C-alpha atoms as a PDB file:
ATOM      1  CA  MET A   1       0.000   0.000   0.000  1.00  0.00           C
ATOM      2  CA  SER A   2       1.355   3.395  -0.978  1.00  0.00           C
ATOM      3  CA  GLY A   3       1.383   6.684   0.961  1.00  0.00           C
ATOM      4  CA  ALA A   4      -1.242   9.288   1.714  1.00  0.00           C
ATOM      5  CA  PHE A   5      -3.405  10.958  -0.925  1.00  0.00           C
ATOM      6  CA  THR A   6      -6.210  13.487  -1.188  1.00  0.00           C
ATOM      7  CA  ALA A   7      -9.717  12.262  -2.029  1.00  0.00           C
ATOM      8  CA  ALA A   8     -12.478  14.509  -3.370  1.00  0.00           C
ATOM      9  CA  CYS A   9     -16.228  13.935  -3.537  1.00  0.00           C
ATOM     10  CA  ILE A  10     -18.098  16.004  -6.115  1.00  0.00           C
ATOM     11  CA  GLN A  11     -21.620  17.092  -5.172  1.00  0.00           C
ATOM     12  CA  THR A  12     -23.822  18.126  -8.084  1.00  0.00           C
ATOM     13  CA  SER A  13     -27.474  18.416  -9.076  1.00  0.00           C
ATOM     14  CA  SER A  14     -27.841  16.551 -12.357  1.00  0.00           C
ATOM     15  CA  GLU A  15     -30.261  17.663 -15.059  1.00  0.00           C
ATOM     16  CA  ARG A  16     -32.063  15.487 -17.586  1.00  0.00           C
ATOM     17  CA  GLU A  17     -29.697  16.177 -20.518  1.00  0.00           C
ATOM     18  CA  PHE A  18     -26.036  15.221 -20.913  1.00  0.00           C
ATOM     19  CA  ALA A  19     -24.489  18.553 -21.931  1.00  0.00           C
ATOM     20  CA  PRO A  20     -25.181  20.693 -18.830  1.00  0.00           C
ATOM     21  CA  ASN A  21     -24.104  17.868 -16.537  1.00  0.00           C
ATOM     22  CA  ILE A  22     -20.830  17.341 -18.388  1.00  0.00           C
ATOM     23  CA  ARG A  23     -20.085  21.077 -18.154  1.00  0.00           C
ATOM     24  CA  ALA A  24     -20.975  21.396 -14.474  1.00  0.00           C
ATOM     25  CA  VAL A  25     -19.159  18.266 -13.310  1.00  0.00           C
ATOM     26  CA  GLY A  26     -16.157  19.013 -15.508  1.00  0.00           C
ATOM     27  CA  ASP A  27     -15.745  22.366 -13.785  1.00  0.00           C
ATOM     28  CA  LEU A  28     -15.959  20.782 -10.327  1.00  0.00           C
ATOM     29  CA  VAL A  29     -13.466  18.060 -11.234  1.00  0.00           C
ATOM     30  CA  ARG A  30     -10.968  20.649 -12.465  1.00  0.00           C
ATOM     31  CA  ARG A  31     -11.441  22.763  -9.342  1.00  0.00           C
ATOM     32  CA  SER A  32     -10.987  19.795  -7.022  1.00  0.00           C
ATOM     33  CA  ARG A  33      -7.840  18.792  -8.898  1.00  0.00           C
ATOM     34  CA  GLU A  34      -6.504  22.344  -8.493  1.00  0.00           C
ATOM     35  CA  ALA A  35      -7.257  21.979  -4.766  1.00  0.00           C
ATOM     36  CA  GLY A  36      -4.912  18.985  -4.655  1.00  0.00           C
ATOM     37  CA  ALA A  37      -7.199  15.988  -5.152  1.00  0.00           C
ATOM     38  CA  ASP A  38      -5.568  12.811  -6.457  1.00  0.00           C
ATOM     39  CA  PHE A  39      -8.734  10.675  -6.546  1.00  0.00           C
ATOM     40  CA  ILE A  40     -11.958  12.439  -7.579  1.00  0.00           C
ATOM     41  CA  MET A  41     -15.404  10.841  -7.331  1.00  0.00           C
ATOM     42  CA  THR A  42     -18.778  11.860  -8.763  1.00  0.00           C
ATOM     43  CA  PRO A  43     -22.316  10.828  -7.735  1.00  0.00           C
ATOM     44  CA  GLU A  44     -24.678   8.211  -9.121  1.00  0.00           C
ATOM     45  CA  VAL A  45     -26.526   9.049 -12.397  1.00  0.00           C
ATOM     46  CA  VAL A  46     -24.067  11.866 -13.028  1.00  0.00           C
ATOM     47  CA  GLY A  47     -24.547  11.846 -16.818  1.00  0.00           C
ATOM     48  CA  MET A  48     -28.274  12.524 -16.713  1.00  0.00           C
ATOM     49  CA  LEU A  49     -31.079  12.282 -14.189  1.00  0.00           C
ATOM     50  CA  GLU A  50     -34.134  11.587 -16.321  1.00  0.00           C
ATOM     51  CA  PRO A  51     -37.152  10.548 -14.238  1.00  0.00           C
ATOM     52  CA  LYS A  52     -39.369   9.485 -17.168  1.00  0.00           C
ATOM     53  CA  ARG A  53     -38.711   5.852 -18.131  1.00  0.00           C
ATOM     54  CA  GLU A  54     -39.436   6.169 -21.835  1.00  0.00           C
ATOM     55  CA  ARG A  55     -37.318   9.306 -22.204  1.00  0.00           C
ATOM     56  CA  HIS A  56     -34.548   7.629 -20.251  1.00  0.00           C
ATOM     57  CA  LEU A  57     -34.572   4.677 -22.633  1.00  0.00           C
ATOM     58  CA  GLU A  58     -34.512   6.997 -25.645  1.00  0.00           C
ATOM     59  CA  LYS A  59     -31.502   8.942 -24.370  1.00  0.00           C
ATOM     60  CA  ALA A  60     -29.425   6.052 -23.033  1.00  0.00           C
ATOM     61  CA  THR A  61     -26.529   4.739 -25.115  1.00  0.00           C
ATOM     62  CA  GLY A  62     -24.001   1.949 -25.019  1.00  0.00           C
ATOM     63  CA  GLU A  63     -20.544   2.612 -23.617  1.00  0.00           C
ATOM     64  CA  ALA A  64     -19.018   3.357 -27.008  1.00  0.00           C
ATOM     65  CA  ASP A  65     -21.489   6.173 -27.730  1.00  0.00           C
ATOM     66  CA  ASN A  66     -22.001   7.628 -24.269  1.00  0.00           C
ATOM     67  CA  PRO A  67     -21.018  11.325 -24.339  1.00  0.00           C
ATOM     68  CA  ALA A  68     -20.530  11.567 -20.583  1.00  0.00           C
ATOM     69  CA  LEU A  69     -18.188   8.582 -20.456  1.00  0.00           C
ATOM     70  CA  ALA A  70     -16.124   9.989 -23.327  1.00  0.00           C
ATOM     71  CA  ALA A  71     -15.971  13.405 -21.642  1.00  0.00           C
ATOM     72  CA  PHE A  72     -14.921  11.959 -18.287  1.00  0.00           C
ATOM     73  CA  ARG A  73     -12.210   9.830 -19.891  1.00  0.00           C
ATOM     74  CA  ASP A  74     -10.850  12.966 -21.542  1.00  0.00           C
ATOM     75  CA  LEU A  75     -11.106  14.796 -18.216  1.00  0.00           C
ATOM     76  CA  ALA A  76      -9.030  12.146 -16.436  1.00  0.00           C
ATOM     77  CA  GLN A  77      -6.329  12.565 -19.072  1.00  0.00           C
ATOM     78  CA  GLU A  78      -6.514  16.353 -18.859  1.00  0.00           C
ATOM     79  CA  THR A  79      -6.216  16.488 -15.071  1.00  0.00           C
ATOM     80  CA  GLY A  80      -3.976  13.460 -14.500  1.00  0.00           C
ATOM     81  CA  ALA A  81      -6.246  12.344 -11.643  1.00  0.00           C
ATOM     82  CA  TRP A  82      -7.937   9.037 -10.931  1.00  0.00           C
ATOM     83  CA  LEU A  83     -11.648   9.557 -11.559  1.00  0.00           C
ATOM     84  CA  LEU A  84     -14.636   7.536 -10.365  1.00  0.00           C
ATOM     85  CA  VAL A  85     -17.694   8.167 -12.536  1.00  0.00           C
ATOM     86  CA  GLY A  86     -20.339   7.374  -9.915  1.00  0.00           C
ATOM     87  CA  SER A  87     -22.717   5.847 -12.440  1.00  0.00           C
ATOM     88  CA  LEU A  88     -24.091   6.219 -15.944  1.00  0.00           C
ATOM     89  CA  ALA A  89     -27.117   4.614 -17.570  1.00  0.00           C
ATOM     90  CA  ILE A  90     -25.647   2.186 -20.112  1.00  0.00           C
ATOM     91  CA  ARG A  91     -27.845   0.488 -22.693  1.00  0.00           C
ATOM     92  CA  LEU A  92     -27.744  -3.308 -22.632  1.00  0.00           C
ATOM     93  CA  GLU A  93     -30.747  -3.976 -24.874  1.00  0.00           C
ATOM     94  CA  ALA A  94     -33.775  -2.107 -26.209  1.00  0.00           C
ATOM     95  CA  ALA A  95     -35.630  -1.796 -22.905  1.00  0.00           C
ATOM     96  CA  ARG A  96     -32.939  -2.605 -20.352  1.00  0.00           C
ATOM     97  CA  LEU A  97     -30.048  -0.586 -18.970  1.00  0.00           C
ATOM     98  CA  ALA A  98     -27.229  -1.048 -16.486  1.00  0.00           C
ATOM     99  CA  ASN A  99     -26.598   1.458 -13.703  1.00  0.00           C
ATOM    100  CA  ARG A 100     -22.814   1.288 -14.165  1.00  0.00           C
ATOM    101  CA  SER A 101     -19.927   2.857 -12.259  1.00  0.00           C
ATOM    102  CA  PHE A 102     -16.566   3.409 -13.954  1.00  0.00           C
ATOM    103  CA  LEU A 103     -13.093   3.812 -12.488  1.00  0.00           C
ATOM    104  CA  ILE A 104     -10.947   5.766 -14.943  1.00  0.00           C
ATOM    105  CA  ALA A 105      -7.160   5.893 -14.761  1.00  0.00           C
ATOM    106  CA  PRO A 106      -5.183   9.104 -15.369  1.00  0.00           C
ATOM    107  CA  ASP A 107      -4.441   8.003 -18.940  1.00  0.00           C
ATOM    108  CA  GLY A 108      -8.196   7.816 -19.677  1.00  0.00           C
ATOM    109  CA  ALA A 109      -8.380   4.026 -19.671  1.00  0.00           C
ATOM    110  CA  ILE A 110     -11.326   2.319 -17.980  1.00  0.00           C
ATOM    111  CA  ALA A 111      -9.713   0.488 -15.055  1.00  0.00           C
ATOM    112  CA  ALA A 112     -12.891  -1.120 -13.659  1.00  0.00           C
ATOM    113  CA  ARG A 113     -16.656  -1.319 -14.097  1.00  0.00           C
ATOM    114  CA  TYR A 114     -19.371  -2.152 -11.586  1.00  0.00           C
ATOM    115  CA  ASP A 115     -23.093  -2.642 -12.235  1.00  0.00           C
ATOM    116  CA  LYS A 116     -25.378  -1.801  -9.313  1.00  0.00           C
ATOM    117  CA  ILE A 117     -26.575  -5.034  -7.726  1.00  0.00           C
ATOM    118  CA  HIS A 118     -29.474  -3.951  -5.515  1.00  0.00           C
ATOM    119  CA  MET A 119     -32.463  -2.253  -7.145  1.00  0.00           C
ATOM    120  CA  PHE A 120     -34.299   0.579  -5.384  1.00  0.00           C
ATOM    121  CA  ASP A 121     -37.917  -0.623  -5.595  1.00  0.00           C
ATOM    122  CA  ILE A 122     -39.766   1.241  -2.889  1.00  0.00           C
ATOM    123  CA  ASP A 123     -42.846   3.272  -1.941  1.00  0.00           C
ATOM    124  CA  LEU A 124     -41.997   6.056   0.504  1.00  0.00           C
ATOM    125  CA  PRO A 125     -44.436   7.435   3.113  1.00  0.00           C
ATOM    126  CA  ASN A 126     -44.426  10.840   1.376  1.00  0.00           C
ATOM    127  CA  GLY A 127     -45.868   9.306  -1.808  1.00  0.00           C
ATOM    128  CA  GLU A 128     -42.633   8.976  -3.793  1.00  0.00           C
ATOM    129  CA  ARG A 129     -42.430   5.698  -5.718  1.00  0.00           C
ATOM    130  CA  TYR A 130     -39.326   4.174  -7.316  1.00  0.00           C
ATOM    131  CA  ARG A 131     -38.960   1.026  -9.426  1.00  0.00           C
ATOM    132  CA  GLU A 132     -35.366   0.755 -10.622  1.00  0.00           C
ATOM    133  CA  SER A 133     -35.945  -2.837 -11.678  1.00  0.00           C
ATOM    134  CA  ASN A 134     -38.333  -1.597 -14.395  1.00  0.00           C
ATOM    135  CA  LEU A 135     -35.413   0.131 -16.111  1.00  0.00           C
ATOM    136  CA  TYR A 136     -32.165  -1.476 -14.958  1.00  0.00           C
ATOM    137  CA  ARG A 137     -30.854  -5.023 -14.981  1.00  0.00           C
ATOM    138  CA  PRO A 138     -29.197  -5.795 -11.631  1.00  0.00           C
ATOM    139  CA  GLY A 139     -25.483  -6.475 -11.608  1.00  0.00           C
ATOM    140  CA  GLU A 140     -24.322  -9.942 -10.662  1.00  0.00           C
ATOM    141  CA  ALA A 141     -20.765  -9.416  -9.400  1.00  0.00           C
ATOM    142  CA  SER A 142     -19.018  -7.432  -6.690  1.00  0.00           C
ATOM    143  CA  VAL A 143     -15.898  -5.589  -7.852  1.00  0.00           C
ATOM    144  CA  LEU A 144     -12.517  -4.695  -6.388  1.00  0.00           C
ATOM    145  CA  ALA A 145     -10.207  -2.311  -8.256  1.00  0.00           C
ATOM    146  CA  ALA A 146      -6.539  -1.467  -7.755  1.00  0.00           C
ATOM    147  CA  LEU A 147      -5.592   2.136  -6.973  1.00  0.00           C
ATOM    148  CA  PRO A 148      -2.053   3.401  -6.389  1.00  0.00           C
ATOM    149  CA  TRP A 149      -2.824   3.669  -2.659  1.00  0.00           C
ATOM    150  CA  GLY A 150      -4.720   0.429  -2.045  1.00  0.00           C
ATOM    151  CA  THR A 151      -7.819  -1.459  -3.148  1.00  0.00           C
ATOM    152  CA  LEU A 152     -11.224   0.075  -3.884  1.00  0.00           C
ATOM    153  CA  GLY A 153     -14.538  -1.705  -3.424  1.00  0.00           C
ATOM    154  CA  MET A 154     -17.176  -0.372  -5.819  1.00  0.00           C
ATOM    155  CA  THR A 155     -20.844  -0.014  -4.809  1.00  0.00           C
ATOM    156  CA  ILE A 156     -23.742   2.308  -5.687  1.00  0.00           C
ATOM    157  CA  CYS A 157     -26.416   3.987  -3.541  1.00  0.00           C
ATOM    158  CA  TYR A 158     -29.071   1.426  -2.462  1.00  0.00           C
ATOM    159  CA  ASP A 159     -26.304  -1.173  -2.077  1.00  0.00           C
ATOM    160  CA  LEU A 160     -25.559   0.713   1.137  1.00  0.00           C
ATOM    161  CA  ARG A 161     -28.422  -1.073   2.895  1.00  0.00           C
ATOM    162  CA  PHE A 162     -26.919  -4.532   2.369  1.00  0.00           C
ATOM    163  CA  PRO A 163     -23.995  -4.905   4.789  1.00  0.00           C
ATOM    164  CA  TYR A 164     -23.016  -8.375   3.580  1.00  0.00           C
ATOM    165  CA  LEU A 165     -21.748  -6.812   0.335  1.00  0.00           C
ATOM    166  CA  TYR A 166     -19.441  -4.458   2.242  1.00  0.00           C
ATOM    167  CA  ARG A 167     -18.146  -7.173   4.526  1.00  0.00           C
ATOM    168  CA  ALA A 168     -17.385  -9.358   1.517  1.00  0.00           C
ATOM    169  CA  LEU A 169     -15.490  -6.507  -0.153  1.00  0.00           C
ATOM    170  CA  ALA A 170     -13.455  -5.810   2.989  1.00  0.00           C
ATOM    171  CA  GLN A 171     -12.628  -9.459   3.581  1.00  0.00           C
ATOM    172  CA  ALA A 172     -11.552  -9.764  -0.056  1.00  0.00           C
ATOM    173  CA  GLY A 173      -9.075  -6.906   0.367  1.00  0.00           C
ATOM    174  CA  ALA A 174     -10.840  -3.527   0.083  1.00  0.00           C
ATOM    175  CA  ASP A 175      -9.197  -0.611   1.876  1.00  0.00           C
ATOM    176  CA  PHE A 176     -11.607   1.998   0.518  1.00  0.00           C
ATOM    177  CA  ILE A 177     -15.262   1.727  -0.510  1.00  0.00           C
ATOM    178  CA  ALA A 178     -17.069   4.086  -2.881  1.00  0.00           C
ATOM    179  CA  VAL A 179     -20.815   4.689  -2.492  1.00  0.00           C
ATOM    180  CA  PRO A 180     -21.805   7.186  -5.223  1.00  0.00           C
ATOM    181  CA  SER A 181     -25.446   7.992  -4.579  1.00  0.00           C
ATOM    182  CA  SER A 182     -28.648   9.789  -5.405  1.00  0.00           C
ATOM    183  CA  PHE A 183     -30.365   9.411  -2.031  1.00  0.00           C
ATOM    184  CA  THR A 184     -33.894  10.721  -1.534  1.00  0.00           C
ATOM    185  CA  VAL A 185     -34.430  13.443   1.047  1.00  0.00           C
ATOM    186  CA  PRO A 186     -36.629  11.422   3.472  1.00  0.00           C
ATOM    187  CA  THR A 187     -34.327   8.393   3.551  1.00  0.00           C
ATOM    188  CA  GLY A 188     -31.250  10.603   3.567  1.00  0.00           C
ATOM    189  CA  ARG A 189     -32.367  12.522   6.631  1.00  0.00           C
ATOM    190  CA  ALA A 190     -33.227   9.318   8.435  1.00  0.00           C
ATOM    191  CA  HIS A 191     -30.364   6.993   7.506  1.00  0.00           C
ATOM    192  CA  TRP A 192     -27.567   8.417   5.296  1.00  0.00           C
ATOM    193  CA  HIS A 193     -25.001   9.379   7.939  1.00  0.00           C
ATOM    194  CA  ALA A 194     -25.775   6.398  10.163  1.00  0.00           C
ATOM    195  CA  LEU A 195     -25.458   3.826   7.370  1.00  0.00           C
ATOM    196  CA  LEU A 196     -22.237   5.243   5.927  1.00  0.00           C
ATOM    197  CA  ARG A 197     -20.597   5.423   9.336  1.00  0.00           C
ATOM    198  CA  ALA A 198     -21.768   1.894  10.090  1.00  0.00           C
ATOM    199  CA  ARG A 199     -20.320   0.517   6.850  1.00  0.00           C
ATOM    200  CA  ALA A 200     -16.975   2.191   7.639  1.00  0.00           C
ATOM    201  CA  ILE A 201     -16.932   0.847  11.199  1.00  0.00           C
ATOM    202  CA  GLU A 202     -17.986  -2.679  10.218  1.00  0.00           C
ATOM    203  CA  THR A 203     -15.366  -2.991   7.499  1.00  0.00           C
ATOM    204  CA  GLY A 204     -12.495  -0.874   8.807  1.00  0.00           C
ATOM    205  CA  CYS A 205     -12.462   0.882   5.420  1.00  0.00           C
ATOM    206  CA  PHE A 206     -12.464   4.503   4.347  1.00  0.00           C
ATOM    207  CA  VAL A 207     -15.867   5.230   2.797  1.00  0.00           C
ATOM    208  CA  PHE A 208     -16.285   7.798   0.015  1.00  0.00           C
ATOM    209  CA  ALA A 209     -19.866   8.830  -0.764  1.00  0.00           C
ATOM    210  CA  PRO A 210     -20.305  11.509  -3.467  1.00  0.00           C
ATOM    211  CA  ALA A 211     -23.967  12.442  -3.724  1.00  0.00           C
ATOM    212  CA  GLN A 212     -26.580  14.264  -5.750  1.00  0.00           C
ATOM    213  CA  THR A 213     -28.234  17.273  -4.132  1.00  0.00           C
ATOM    214  CA  GLY A 214     -31.163  19.641  -4.664  1.00  0.00           C
ATOM    215  CA  GLU A 215     -34.260  19.543  -6.865  1.00  0.00           C
ATOM    216  CA  HIS A 216     -34.211  17.810 -10.247  1.00  0.00           C
ATOM    217  CA  ALA A 217     -36.657  17.361 -13.139  1.00  0.00           C
ATOM    218  CA  GLU A 218     -40.247  16.439 -12.258  1.00  0.00           C
ATOM    219  CA  GLY A 219     -39.717  17.665  -8.679  1.00  0.00           C
ATOM    220  CA  ARG A 220     -37.406  14.868  -7.566  1.00  0.00           C
ATOM    221  CA  LYS A 221     -35.239  15.947  -4.614  1.00  0.00           C
ATOM    222  CA  THR A 222     -31.960  14.473  -3.410  1.00  0.00           C
ATOM    223  CA  TYR A 223     -30.324  14.775  -0.022  1.00  0.00           C
ATOM    224  CA  GLY A 224     -26.733  15.858  -0.683  1.00  0.00           C
ATOM    225  CA  HIS A 225     -24.283  15.561   2.214  1.00  0.00           C
ATOM    226  CA  SER A 226     -21.472  13.889   0.288  1.00  0.00           C
ATOM    227  CA  LEU A 227     -19.344  12.267   2.985  1.00  0.00           C
ATOM    228  CA  ILE A 228     -15.814  11.016   3.513  1.00  0.00           C
ATOM    229  CA  VAL A 229     -15.654   8.696   6.524  1.00  0.00           C
ATOM    230  CA  ASP A 230     -12.577   7.151   8.099  1.00  0.00           C
ATOM    231  CA  PRO A 231     -12.350   3.493   9.246  1.00  0.00           C
ATOM    232  CA  TRP A 232     -13.187   4.424  12.835  1.00  0.00           C
ATOM    233  CA  GLY A 233     -16.445   6.013  11.672  1.00  0.00           C
ATOM    234  CA  GLU A 234     -15.279   9.609  11.958  1.00  0.00           C
ATOM    235  CA  VAL A 235     -16.732  11.962   9.334  1.00  0.00           C
ATOM    236  CA  LEU A 236     -13.766  13.711   7.751  1.00  0.00           C
ATOM    237  CA  ALA A 237     -15.812  15.838   5.330  1.00  0.00           C
ATOM    238  CA  ASP A 238     -19.503  16.643   4.789  1.00  0.00           C
ATOM    239  CA  ALA A 239     -20.586  18.714   1.765  1.00  0.00           C
ATOM    240  CA  GLY A 240     -23.904  19.807   3.239  1.00  0.00           C
ATOM    241  CA  GLU A 241     -26.585  20.602   0.670  1.00  0.00           C
ATOM    242  CA  GLU A 242     -24.771  22.915  -1.739  1.00  0.00           C
ATOM    243  CA  ILE A 243     -23.264  22.077  -5.134  1.00  0.00           C
ATOM    244  CA  GLY A 244     -19.490  21.841  -4.878  1.00  0.00           C
ATOM    245  CA  PHE A 245     -16.920  19.394  -3.564  1.00  0.00           C
ATOM    246  CA  VAL A 246     -15.193  18.312  -0.371  1.00  0.00           C
ATOM    247  CA  THR A 247     -11.720  16.872   0.119  1.00  0.00           C
ATOM    248  CA  ALA A 248      -9.903  14.964   2.832  1.00  0.00           C
ATOM    249  CA  ARG A 249      -6.372  13.700   3.285  1.00  0.00           C
ATOM    250  CA  ILE A 250      -6.381   9.898   3.370  1.00  0.00           C
ATOM    251  CA  ASP A 251      -3.688   7.846   5.099  1.00  0.00           C
ATOM    252  CA  PRO A 252      -4.119   4.195   4.035  1.00  0.00           C
ATOM    253  CA  ALA A 253      -2.123   3.063   7.106  1.00  0.00           C
ATOM    254  CA  ARG A 254      -5.188   4.010   9.156  1.00  0.00           C
ATOM    255  CA  VAL A 255      -6.990   0.933   7.802  1.00  0.00           C
ATOM    256  CA  ALA A 256      -4.543  -1.531   9.369  1.00  0.00           C
ATOM    257  CA  GLU A 257      -4.401   0.538  12.562  1.00  0.00           C
ATOM    258  CA  VAL A 258      -8.174   0.412  13.083  1.00  0.00           C
ATOM    259  CA  ARG A 259      -8.504  -3.247  12.119  1.00  0.00           C
ATOM    260  CA  ALA A 260      -5.826  -4.130  14.668  1.00  0.00           C
ATOM    261  CA  MET A 261      -7.847  -2.364  17.383  1.00  0.00           C
ATOM    262  CA  VAL A 262     -11.101  -4.145  16.443  1.00  0.00           C
ATOM    263  CA  PRO A 263     -10.260  -7.271  14.382  1.00  0.00           C
ATOM    264  CA  SER A 264     -13.890  -8.256  13.786  1.00  0.00           C
ATOM    265  CA  LEU A 265     -13.279  -9.121  10.116  1.00  0.00           C
ATOM    266  CA  GLN A 266     -11.362 -12.145  11.399  1.00  0.00           C
ATOM    267  CA  HIS A 267     -14.082 -13.352  13.761  1.00  0.00           C
ATOM    268  CA  ASP A 268     -16.891 -14.527  11.485  1.00  0.00           C
ATOM    269  CA  ARG A 269     -18.641 -17.738  12.430  1.00  0.00           C
ATOM    270  CA  ALA A 270     -21.153 -19.785  10.485  1.00  0.00           C
ATOM    271  CA  VAL A 271     -24.615 -19.104  11.868  1.00  0.00           C
ATOM    272  CA  PRO A 272     -27.377 -21.654  11.282  1.00  0.00           C
ATOM    273  CA  LYS A 273     -30.940 -20.577  10.566  1.00  0.00           C
ATOM    274  CA  PRO A 274     -32.687 -19.300  13.698  1.00  0.00           C
ATOM    275  CA  ARG A 275     -34.865 -21.837  15.482  1.00  0.00           C
ATOM    276  CA  ARG A 276     -38.310 -20.629  16.436  1.00  0.00           C
ATOM    277  CA  SER A 277     -39.029 -21.469  20.055  1.00  0.00           C
ATOM    278  CA  ALA A 278     -42.284 -23.104  21.027  1.00  0.00           C
ATOM    279  CA  ALA A 279     -45.141 -20.808  22.001  1.00  0.00           C
ATOM    280  CA  VAL A 280     -45.522 -20.260  25.745  1.00  0.00           C
ATOM    281  CA  GLY A 281     -48.829 -20.515  27.626  1.00  0.00           C
END
């Protein structure tokens, strides 16, 4: 594992067309690089946030034709930084997409891809309704990627609620975990900080969570609060609700230090199915 580096989480408010998002995120990436960031991460659905299913399908492209992916690959080359494209909608077939995250090396090469495994199919108390499985095909594989400073585990948004994925990534060698997100406001207020801190504590990993913020097309609202959390669960940076970016200095040696203090990753035991006790009385 190499020495310390500076991580940046971009916080943006994506629109429903590619061009304004590419411009806005490009500016934030350049600014964060000027501020000293070595590894720069963007939120989920950073290329476009199109709430209408049919329009989304019309606009989506394959990797080879995706304008946001091409722009971000050029941006990595321009800045010389490692860049995590939180996720883009990538066409797989006529009516099915992947919600795909990309790790891009400083030479513009795609170093790793991850397709979101867990689909956000939910009805919220405030009337909001989401059915990701109507648009996206779930991913089938967890992904680790090599960075100059250690190993990155790649996840996306709703994955955050499934701790077994994070434990598996940590036990397979992850030092850092990315959680690019587009969290709703009600669930964000209730659970965002608690879940991210819990995933960091449970795994002994640094957790990077770049997030969408503000109001988007069709009145959709996202929570913001992009976070960088250390392996002890300490929040090193919180972007609040404004568009911008946050940075933190990351010392990879902290991972081993924390895991030595609480070596729970080494203490798993096989647990049989719970037995239901007989009714009393």
